[in-house]
């Protein structure tokens, strides 16, 4: 396994994991009684919250619905496709 392959795989895994965590955060917004500081919910809340807090300042919740995790799913998916997709920048570079 070359260094390039390891880099591409780990970046793909990391971005995929963040997409999963943001989708889990979307599902958790359906249950407002859930305490995000309790396990296992904290495993999704702690890594994603640093991304969501500044985004909430730009896009506040509308009608009580927090759409910032949806925005970050889109951003992360786009970044993953642009960098690692079939004709992604990093795949073309290596």
PDB file of N, CA and C in Angstrom:
ATOM      1  N   UNK A   1       0.851  -1.171   0.000  1.00  0.00           N
ATOM      2  CA  UNK A   1       0.000   0.000   0.000  1.00  0.00           C
ATOM      3  C   UNK A   1       0.898   1.236   0.000  1.00  0.00           C
ATOM      4  N   UNK A   2       0.711   2.072  -0.986  1.00  0.00           N
ATOM      5  CA  UNK A   2       1.552   3.258  -1.093  1.00  0.00           C
ATOM      6  C   UNK A   2       1.034   4.356  -0.176  1.00  0.00           C
ATOM      7  N   UNK A   3       1.849   5.355   0.002  1.00  0.00           N
ATOM      8  CA  UNK A   3       1.481   6.487   0.850  1.00  0.00           C
ATOM      9  C   UNK A   3       0.285   7.228   0.259  1.00  0.00           C
ATOM     10  N   UNK A   4       0.250   7.346  -1.061  1.00  0.00           N
ATOM     11  CA  UNK A   4      -0.860   8.034  -1.712  1.00  0.00           C
ATOM     12  C   UNK A   4      -2.178   7.301  -1.477  1.00  0.00           C
ATOM     13  N   UNK A   5      -2.148   5.981  -1.601  1.00  0.00           N
ATOM     14  CA  UNK A   5      -3.349   5.179  -1.383  1.00  0.00           C
ATOM     15  C   UNK A   5      -3.812   5.294   0.058  1.00  0.00           C
ATOM     16  N   UNK A   6      -2.883   5.258   0.982  1.00  0.00           N
ATOM     17  CA  UNK A   6      -3.221   5.395   2.398  1.00  0.00           C
ATOM     18  C   UNK A   6      -3.827   6.766   2.684  1.00  0.00           C
ATOM     19  N   UNK A   7      -3.268   7.804   2.093  1.00  0.00           N
ATOM     20  CA  UNK A   7      -3.793   9.160   2.274  1.00  0.00           C
ATOM     21  C   UNK A   7      -5.210   9.270   1.711  1.00  0.00           C
ATOM     22  N   UNK A   8      -5.417   8.756   0.505  1.00  0.00           N
ATOM     23  CA  UNK A   8      -6.745   8.822  -0.117  1.00  0.00           C
ATOM     24  C   UNK A   8      -7.762   8.027   0.687  1.00  0.00           C
ATOM     25  N   UNK A   9      -7.379   6.845   1.149  1.00  0.00           N
ATOM     26  CA  UNK A   9      -8.294   6.010   1.912  1.00  0.00           C
ATOM     27  C   UNK A   9      -8.653   6.663   3.238  1.00  0.00           C
ATOM     28  N   UNK A  10      -7.663   7.187   3.942  1.00  0.00           N
ATOM     29  CA  UNK A  10      -7.937   7.786   5.253  1.00  0.00           C
ATOM     30  C   UNK A  10      -8.763   9.065   5.117  1.00  0.00           C
ATOM     31  N   UNK A  11      -8.502   9.863   4.088  1.00  0.00           N
ATOM     32  CA  UNK A  11      -9.298  11.068   3.863  1.00  0.00           C
ATOM     33  C   UNK A  11     -10.734  10.701   3.496  1.00  0.00           C
ATOM     34  N   UNK A  12     -10.894   9.682   2.667  1.00  0.00           N
ATOM     35  CA  UNK A  12     -12.230   9.223   2.299  1.00  0.00           C
ATOM     36  C   UNK A  12     -12.976   8.698   3.517  1.00  0.00           C
ATOM     37  N   UNK A  13     -12.304   7.929   4.353  1.00  0.00           N
ATOM     38  CA  UNK A  13     -12.918   7.401   5.566  1.00  0.00           C
ATOM     39  C   UNK A  13     -13.315   8.531   6.514  1.00  0.00           C
ATOM     40  N   UNK A  14     -12.425   9.500   6.701  1.00  0.00           N
ATOM     41  CA  UNK A  14     -12.707  10.616   7.604  1.00  0.00           C
ATOM     42  C   UNK A  14     -13.889  11.456   7.142  1.00  0.00           C
ATOM     43  N   UNK A  15     -13.924  11.776   5.857  1.00  0.00           N
ATOM     44  CA  UNK A  15     -15.041  12.558   5.347  1.00  0.00           C
ATOM     45  C   UNK A  15     -16.341  11.755   5.392  1.00  0.00           C
ATOM     46  N   UNK A  16     -16.260  10.464   5.100  1.00  0.00           N
ATOM     47  CA  UNK A  16     -17.444   9.608   5.196  1.00  0.00           C
ATOM     48  C   UNK A  16     -17.960   9.513   6.622  1.00  0.00           C
ATOM     49  N   UNK A  17     -17.050   9.436   7.565  1.00  0.00           N
ATOM     50  CA  UNK A  17     -17.440   9.397   8.973  1.00  0.00           C
ATOM     51  C   UNK A  17     -18.147  10.684   9.383  1.00  0.00           C
ATOM     52  N   UNK A  18     -17.627  11.832   8.926  1.00  0.00           N
ATOM     53  CA  UNK A  18     -18.277  13.094   9.252  1.00  0.00           C
ATOM     54  C   UNK A  18     -19.652  13.198   8.607  1.00  0.00           C
ATOM     55  N   UNK A  19     -19.820  12.693   7.398  1.00  0.00           N
ATOM     56  CA  UNK A  19     -21.142  12.682   6.768  1.00  0.00           C
ATOM     57  C   UNK A  19     -22.102  11.860   7.624  1.00  0.00           C
ATOM     58  N   UNK A  20     -21.649  10.699   8.072  1.00  0.00           N
ATOM     59  CA  UNK A  20     -22.478   9.851   8.929  1.00  0.00           C
ATOM     60  C   UNK A  20     -22.842  10.574  10.228  1.00  0.00           C
ATOM     61  N   UNK A  21     -21.868  11.245  10.856  1.00  0.00           N
ATOM     62  CA  UNK A  21     -22.136  11.942  12.120  1.00  0.00           C
ATOM     63  C   UNK A  21     -23.111  13.095  11.925  1.00  0.00           C
ATOM     64  N   UNK A  22     -22.987  13.826  10.811  1.00  0.00           N
ATOM     65  CA  UNK A  22     -23.924  14.916  10.551  1.00  0.00           C
ATOM     66  C   UNK A  22     -25.330  14.369  10.283  1.00  0.00           C
ATOM     67  N   UNK A  23     -25.440  13.244   9.587  1.00  0.00           N
ATOM     68  CA  UNK A  23     -26.755  12.634   9.366  1.00  0.00           C
ATOM     69  C   UNK A  23     -27.347  12.172  10.698  1.00  0.00           C
ATOM     70  N   UNK A  24     -26.501  11.639  11.569  1.00  0.00           N
ATOM     71  CA  UNK A  24     -26.969  11.242  12.899  1.00  0.00           C
ATOM     72  C   UNK A  24     -27.451  12.464  13.683  1.00  0.00           C
ATOM     73  N   UNK A  25     -26.757  13.602  13.529  1.00  0.00           N
ATOM     74  CA  UNK A  25     -27.199  14.833  14.190  1.00  0.00           C
ATOM     75  C   UNK A  25     -28.542  15.290  13.645  1.00  0.00           C
ATOM     76  N   UNK A  26     -28.788  15.103  12.344  1.00  0.00           N
ATOM     77  CA  UNK A  26     -30.086  15.451  11.762  1.00  0.00           C
ATOM     78  C   UNK A  26     -31.178  14.615  12.419  1.00  0.00           C
ATOM     79  N   UNK A  27     -30.920  13.332  12.576  1.00  0.00           N
ATOM     80  CA  UNK A  27     -31.903  12.446  13.206  1.00  0.00           C
ATOM     81  C   UNK A  27     -32.117  12.846  14.670  1.00  0.00           C
ATOM     82  N   UNK A  28     -31.058  13.242  15.351  1.00  0.00           N
ATOM     83  CA  UNK A  28     -31.192  13.637  16.761  1.00  0.00           C
ATOM     84  C   UNK A  28     -32.017  14.917  16.926  1.00  0.00           C
ATOM     85  N   UNK A  29     -32.086  15.770  15.895  1.00  0.00           N
ATOM     86  CA  UNK A  29     -32.913  16.973  16.020  1.00  0.00           C
ATOM     87  C   UNK A  29     -34.391  16.631  16.079  1.00  0.00           C
ATOM     88  N   UNK A  30     -34.768  15.428  15.657  1.00  0.00           N
ATOM     89  CA  UNK A  30     -36.165  15.004  15.750  1.00  0.00           C
ATOM     90  C   UNK A  30     -36.543  14.676  17.183  1.00  0.00           C
ATOM     91  N   UNK A  31     -35.574  14.493  18.044  1.00  0.00           N
ATOM     92  CA  UNK A  31     -35.809  14.122  19.441  1.00  0.00           C
ATOM     93  C   UNK A  31     -35.185  15.180  20.350  1.00  0.00           C
ATOM     94  N   UNK A  32     -35.899  16.273  20.609  1.00  0.00           N
ATOM     95  CA  UNK A  32     -35.301  17.366  21.404  1.00  0.00           C
ATOM     96  C   UNK A  32     -35.029  16.995  22.849  1.00  0.00           C
ATOM     97  N   UNK A  33     -35.647  15.927  23.367  1.00  0.00           N
ATOM     98  CA  UNK A  33     -35.434  15.541  24.756  1.00  0.00           C
ATOM     99  C   UNK A  33     -34.103  14.814  24.962  1.00  0.00           C
ATOM    100  N   UNK A  34     -33.406  14.476  23.886  1.00  0.00           N
ATOM    101  CA  UNK A  34     -32.136  13.753  23.986  1.00  0.00           C
ATOM    102  C   UNK A  34     -31.055  14.697  24.511  1.00  0.00           C
ATOM    103  N   UNK A  35     -30.325  14.234  25.514  1.00  0.00           N
ATOM    104  CA  UNK A  35     -29.208  15.004  26.069  1.00  0.00           C
ATOM    105  C   UNK A  35     -27.947  14.653  25.278  1.00  0.00           C
ATOM    106  N   UNK A  36     -27.414  15.635  24.550  1.00  0.00           N
ATOM    107  CA  UNK A  36     -26.251  15.393  23.689  1.00  0.00           C
ATOM    108  C   UNK A  36     -24.957  15.199  24.470  1.00  0.00           C
ATOM    109  N   UNK A  37     -24.992  15.419  25.780  1.00  0.00           N
ATOM    110  CA  UNK A  37     -23.795  15.205  26.591  1.00  0.00           C
ATOM    111  C   UNK A  37     -23.730  13.796  27.160  1.00  0.00           C
ATOM    112  N   UNK A  38     -24.763  12.992  26.933  1.00  0.00           N
ATOM    113  CA  UNK A  38     -24.796  11.613  27.406  1.00  0.00           C
ATOM    114  C   UNK A  38     -24.348  10.685  26.285  1.00  0.00           C
ATOM    115  N   UNK A  39     -23.663   9.604  26.660  1.00  0.00           N
ATOM    116  CA  UNK A  39     -23.265   8.600  25.681  1.00  0.00           C
ATOM    117  C   UNK A  39     -24.497   7.851  25.218  1.00  0.00           C
ATOM    118  N   UNK A  40     -24.604   7.401  24.057  1.00  0.00           N
ATOM    119  CA  UNK A  40     -23.704   7.425  22.911  1.00  0.00           C
ATOM    120  C   UNK A  40     -23.884   8.662  22.041  1.00  0.00           C
ATOM    121  N   UNK A  41     -24.833   9.544  22.429  1.00  0.00           N
ATOM    122  CA  UNK A  41     -25.112  10.725  21.606  1.00  0.00           C
ATOM    123  C   UNK A  41     -23.948  11.705  21.586  1.00  0.00           C
ATOM    124  N   UNK A  42     -23.154  11.712  22.637  1.00  0.00           N
ATOM    125  CA  UNK A  42     -22.002  12.606  22.709  1.00  0.00           C
ATOM    126  C   UNK A  42     -20.961  12.264  21.644  1.00  0.00           C
ATOM    127  N   UNK A  43     -20.923  11.007  21.206  1.00  0.00           N
ATOM    128  CA  UNK A  43     -19.970  10.621  20.163  1.00  0.00           C
ATOM    129  C   UNK A  43     -20.270  11.304  18.842  1.00  0.00           C
ATOM    130  N   UNK A  44     -21.516  11.677  18.622  1.00  0.00           N
ATOM    131  CA  UNK A  44     -21.877  12.427  17.416  1.00  0.00           C
ATOM    132  C   UNK A  44     -21.842  13.924  17.665  1.00  0.00           C
ATOM    133  N   UNK A  45     -22.129  14.349  18.879  1.00  0.00           N
ATOM    134  CA  UNK A  45     -22.223  15.781  19.173  1.00  0.00           C
ATOM    135  C   UNK A  45     -20.855  16.449  19.301  1.00  0.00           C
ATOM    136  N   UNK A  46     -19.944  15.837  20.007  1.00  0.00           N
ATOM    137  CA  UNK A  46     -18.658  16.488  20.276  1.00  0.00           C
ATOM    138  C   UNK A  46     -17.842  16.776  19.018  1.00  0.00           C
ATOM    139  N   UNK A  47     -17.696  15.855  18.069  1.00  0.00           N
ATOM    140  CA  UNK A  47     -16.888  16.195  16.888  1.00  0.00           C
ATOM    141  C   UNK A  47     -17.583  17.154  15.917  1.00  0.00           C
ATOM    142  N   UNK A  48     -18.915  17.186  15.908  1.00  0.00           N
ATOM    143  CA  UNK A  48     -19.617  18.009  14.926  1.00  0.00           C
ATOM    144  C   UNK A  48     -19.953  19.404  15.428  1.00  0.00           C
ATOM    145  N   UNK A  49     -20.045  19.571  16.710  1.00  0.00           N
ATOM    146  CA  UNK A  49     -20.454  20.861  17.261  1.00  0.00           C
ATOM    147  C   UNK A  49     -19.530  22.023  16.871  1.00  0.00           C
ATOM    148  N   UNK A  50     -18.201  21.843  16.810  1.00  0.00           N
ATOM    149  CA  UNK A  50     -17.357  22.969  16.379  1.00  0.00           C
ATOM    150  C   UNK A  50     -17.668  23.460  14.963  1.00  0.00           C
ATOM    151  N   UNK A  51     -18.220  22.616  14.117  1.00  0.00           N
ATOM    152  CA  UNK A  51     -18.615  23.039  12.776  1.00  0.00           C
ATOM    153  C   UNK A  51     -19.990  23.698  12.779  1.00  0.00           C
ATOM    154  N   UNK A  52     -20.873  23.217  13.635  1.00  0.00           N
ATOM    155  CA  UNK A  52     -22.251  23.691  13.632  1.00  0.00           C
ATOM    156  C   UNK A  52     -22.423  25.046  14.306  1.00  0.00           C
ATOM    157  N   UNK A  53     -21.651  25.326  15.346  1.00  0.00           N
ATOM    158  CA  UNK A  53     -21.816  26.581  16.092  1.00  0.00           C
ATOM    159  C   UNK A  53     -21.588  27.808  15.203  1.00  0.00           C
ATOM    160  N   UNK A  54     -20.480  27.916  14.450  1.00  0.00           N
ATOM    161  CA  UNK A  54     -20.326  29.106  13.605  1.00  0.00           C
ATOM    162  C   UNK A  54     -21.358  29.167  12.480  1.00  0.00           C
ATOM    163  N   UNK A  55     -21.790  28.005  12.004  1.00  0.00           N
ATOM    164  CA  UNK A  55     -22.779  27.987  10.932  1.00  0.00           C
ATOM    165  C   UNK A  55     -24.133  28.456  11.442  1.00  0.00           C
ATOM    166  N   UNK A  56     -24.454  28.148  12.702  1.00  0.00           N
ATOM    167  CA  UNK A  56     -25.714  28.619  13.285  1.00  0.00           C
ATOM    168  C   UNK A  56     -25.743  30.140  13.413  1.00  0.00           C
ATOM    169  N   UNK A  57     -24.583  30.775  13.522  1.00  0.00           N
ATOM    170  CA  UNK A  57     -24.544  32.236  13.572  1.00  0.00           C
ATOM    171  C   UNK A  57     -24.894  32.831  12.213  1.00  0.00           C
ATOM    172  N   UNK A  58     -24.506  32.129  11.141  1.00  0.00           N
ATOM    173  CA  UNK A  58     -24.829  32.597   9.794  1.00  0.00           C
ATOM    174  C   UNK A  58     -26.248  32.218   9.384  1.00  0.00           C
ATOM    175  N   UNK A  59     -26.669  31.000   9.745  1.00  0.00           N
ATOM    176  CA  UNK A  59     -28.001  30.492   9.384  1.00  0.00           C
ATOM    177  C   UNK A  59     -28.696  30.064  10.680  1.00  0.00           C
ATOM    178  N   UNK A  60     -29.432  30.982  11.301  1.00  0.00           N
ATOM    179  CA  UNK A  60     -30.105  30.609  12.551  1.00  0.00           C
ATOM    180  C   UNK A  60     -31.228  29.610  12.285  1.00  0.00           C
ATOM    181  N   UNK A  61     -31.634  28.872  13.326  1.00  0.00           N
ATOM    182  CA  UNK A  61     -32.748  27.928  13.155  1.00  0.00           C
ATOM    183  C   UNK A  61     -34.003  28.631  12.641  1.00  0.00           C
ATOM    184  N   UNK A  62     -34.652  28.006  11.672  1.00  0.00           N
ATOM    185  CA  UNK A  62     -35.858  28.582  11.079  1.00  0.00           C
ATOM    186  C   UNK A  62     -37.077  27.804  11.572  1.00  0.00           C
ATOM    187  N   UNK A  63     -37.958  28.473  12.254  1.00  0.00           N
ATOM    188  CA  UNK A  63     -39.152  27.823  12.774  1.00  0.00           C
ATOM    189  C   UNK A  63     -38.836  26.735  13.782  1.00  0.00           C
ATOM    190  N   UNK A  64     -37.745  26.889  14.497  1.00  0.00           N
ATOM    191  CA  UNK A  64     -37.340  25.903  15.483  1.00  0.00           C
ATOM    192  C   UNK A  64     -36.594  24.716  14.900  1.00  0.00           C
ATOM    193  N   UNK A  65     -36.315  24.746  13.595  1.00  0.00           N
ATOM    194  CA  UNK A  65     -35.619  23.641  12.946  1.00  0.00           C
ATOM    195  C   UNK A  65     -34.190  24.069  12.620  1.00  0.00           C
ATOM    196  N   UNK A  66     -33.236  23.314  13.128  1.00  0.00           N
ATOM    197  CA  UNK A  66     -31.817  23.589  12.883  1.00  0.00           C
ATOM    198  C   UNK A  66     -31.406  22.886  11.591  1.00  0.00           C
ATOM    199  N   UNK A  67     -31.096  23.686  10.567  1.00  0.00           N
ATOM    200  CA  UNK A  67     -30.732  23.093   9.272  1.00  0.00           C
ATOM    201  C   UNK A  67     -29.224  23.046   9.045  1.00  0.00           C
ATOM    202  N   UNK A  68     -28.453  23.461  10.032  1.00  0.00           N
ATOM    203  CA  UNK A  68     -27.006  23.478   9.840  1.00  0.00           C
ATOM    204  C   UNK A  68     -26.396  22.097   9.613  1.00  0.00           C
ATOM    205  N   UNK A  69     -26.890  21.010  10.234  1.00  0.00           N
ATOM    206  CA  UNK A  69     -26.314  19.703   9.882  1.00  0.00           C
ATOM    207  C   UNK A  69     -26.558  19.331   8.421  1.00  0.00           C
ATOM    208  N   UNK A  70     -27.701  19.748   7.883  1.00  0.00           N
ATOM    209  CA  UNK A  70     -27.991  19.477   6.468  1.00  0.00           C
ATOM    210  C   UNK A  70     -27.002  20.223   5.579  1.00  0.00           C
ATOM    211  N   UNK A  71     -26.699  21.452   5.943  1.00  0.00           N
ATOM    212  CA  UNK A  71     -25.722  22.242   5.183  1.00  0.00           C
ATOM    213  C   UNK A  71     -24.369  21.549   5.199  1.00  0.00           C
ATOM    214  N   UNK A  72     -23.972  21.044   6.372  1.00  0.00           N
ATOM    215  CA  UNK A  72     -22.660  20.401   6.475  1.00  0.00           C
ATOM    216  C   UNK A  72     -22.602  19.040   5.795  1.00  0.00           C
ATOM    217  N   UNK A  73     -23.723  18.333   5.706  1.00  0.00           N
ATOM    218  CA  UNK A  73     -23.743  17.098   4.917  1.00  0.00           C
ATOM    219  C   UNK A  73     -23.447  17.448   3.461  1.00  0.00           C
ATOM    220  N   UNK A  74     -24.074  18.523   2.963  1.00  0.00           N
ATOM    221  CA  UNK A  74     -23.831  18.954   1.596  1.00  0.00           C
ATOM    222  C   UNK A  74     -22.405  19.398   1.363  1.00  0.00           C
ATOM    223  N   UNK A  75     -21.860  20.182   2.274  1.00  0.00           N
ATOM    224  CA  UNK A  75     -20.483  20.665   2.130  1.00  0.00           C
ATOM    225  C   UNK A  75     -19.497  19.498   2.158  1.00  0.00           C
ATOM    226  N   UNK A  76     -19.680  18.589   3.109  1.00  0.00           N
ATOM    227  CA  UNK A  76     -18.764  17.454   3.247  1.00  0.00           C
ATOM    228  C   UNK A  76     -18.863  16.518   2.047  1.00  0.00           C
ATOM    229  N   UNK A  77     -20.079  16.278   1.569  1.00  0.00           N
ATOM    230  CA  UNK A  77     -20.259  15.422   0.396  1.00  0.00           C
ATOM    231  C   UNK A  77     -19.617  16.042  -0.837  1.00  0.00           C
ATOM    232  N   UNK A  78     -19.808  17.342  -1.010  1.00  0.00           N
ATOM    233  CA  UNK A  78     -19.198  18.034  -2.143  1.00  0.00           C
ATOM    234  C   UNK A  78     -17.679  17.985  -2.057  1.00  0.00           C
ATOM    235  N   UNK A  79     -17.137  18.239  -0.896  1.00  0.00           N
ATOM    236  CA  UNK A  79     -15.690  18.193  -0.704  1.00  0.00           C
ATOM    237  C   UNK A  79     -15.138  16.804  -0.987  1.00  0.00           C
ATOM    238  N   UNK A  80     -15.841  15.790  -0.518  1.00  0.00           N
ATOM    239  CA  UNK A  80     -15.396  14.410  -0.764  1.00  0.00           C
ATOM    240  C   UNK A  80     -15.419  14.088  -2.257  1.00  0.00           C
ATOM    241  N   UNK A  81     -16.447  14.520  -2.943  1.00  0.00           N
ATOM    242  CA  UNK A  81     -16.549  14.241  -4.378  1.00  0.00           C
ATOM    243  C   UNK A  81     -15.499  15.013  -5.176  1.00  0.00           C
ATOM    244  N   UNK A  82     -15.292  16.273  -4.827  1.00  0.00           N
ATOM    245  CA  UNK A  82     -14.315  17.096  -5.561  1.00  0.00           C
ATOM    246  C   UNK A  82     -12.895  16.575  -5.346  1.00  0.00           C
ATOM    247  N   UNK A  83     -12.584  16.137  -4.137  1.00  0.00           N
ATOM    248  CA  UNK A  83     -11.231  15.665  -3.856  1.00  0.00           C
ATOM    249  C   UNK A  83     -11.015  14.206  -4.227  1.00  0.00           C
ATOM    250  N   UNK A  84     -12.010  13.352  -3.958  1.00  0.00           N
ATOM    251  CA  UNK A  84     -11.781  11.913  -4.034  1.00  0.00           C
ATOM    252  C   UNK A  84     -12.694  11.193  -5.008  1.00  0.00           C
ATOM    253  N   UNK A  85     -13.546  11.912  -5.715  1.00  0.00           N
ATOM    254  CA  UNK A  85     -14.469  11.279  -6.648  1.00  0.00           C
ATOM    255  C   UNK A  85     -13.725  10.636  -7.808  1.00  0.00           C
ATOM    256  N   UNK A  86     -14.493  10.116  -8.762  1.00  0.00           N
ATOM    257  CA  UNK A  86     -13.899   9.416  -9.891  1.00  0.00           C
ATOM    258  C   UNK A  86     -12.889  10.290 -10.642  1.00  0.00           C
ATOM    259  N   UNK A  87     -13.202  11.569 -10.763  1.00  0.00           N
ATOM    260  CA  UNK A  87     -12.273  12.501 -11.384  1.00  0.00           C
ATOM    261  C   UNK A  87     -11.882  13.587 -10.383  1.00  0.00           C
ATOM    262  N   UNK A  88     -11.706  13.188  -9.131  1.00  0.00           N
ATOM    263  CA  UNK A  88     -11.367  14.119  -8.072  1.00  0.00           C
ATOM    264  C   UNK A  88      -9.969  14.685  -8.217  1.00  0.00           C
ATOM    265  N   UNK A  89      -9.754  15.810  -7.615  1.00  0.00           N
ATOM    266  CA  UNK A  89      -8.475  16.503  -7.725  1.00  0.00           C
ATOM    267  C   UNK A  89      -7.310  15.670  -7.193  1.00  0.00           C
ATOM    268  N   UNK A  90      -7.490  15.038  -6.036  1.00  0.00           N
ATOM    269  CA  UNK A  90      -6.403  14.256  -5.472  1.00  0.00           C
ATOM    270  C   UNK A  90      -6.146  12.974  -6.276  1.00  0.00           C
ATOM    271  N   UNK A  91      -7.210  12.387  -6.806  1.00  0.00           N
ATOM    272  CA  UNK A  91      -7.005  11.180  -7.635  1.00  0.00           C
ATOM    273  C   UNK A  91      -6.248  11.539  -8.917  1.00  0.00           C
ATOM    274  N   UNK A  92      -6.550  12.697  -9.487  1.00  0.00           N
ATOM    275  CA  UNK A  92      -5.839  13.118 -10.698  1.00  0.00           C
ATOM    276  C   UNK A  92      -4.385  13.480 -10.372  1.00  0.00           C
ATOM    277  N   UNK A  93      -4.172  14.036  -9.201  1.00  0.00           N
ATOM    278  CA  UNK A  93      -2.827  14.435  -8.797  1.00  0.00           C
ATOM    279  C   UNK A  93      -1.929  13.222  -8.599  1.00  0.00           C
ATOM    280  N   UNK A  94      -2.486  12.166  -7.997  1.00  0.00           N
ATOM    281  CA  UNK A  94      -1.692  10.970  -7.758  1.00  0.00           C
ATOM    282  C   UNK A  94      -1.745  10.043  -8.940  1.00  0.00           C
TER     283      UNK A  94
END
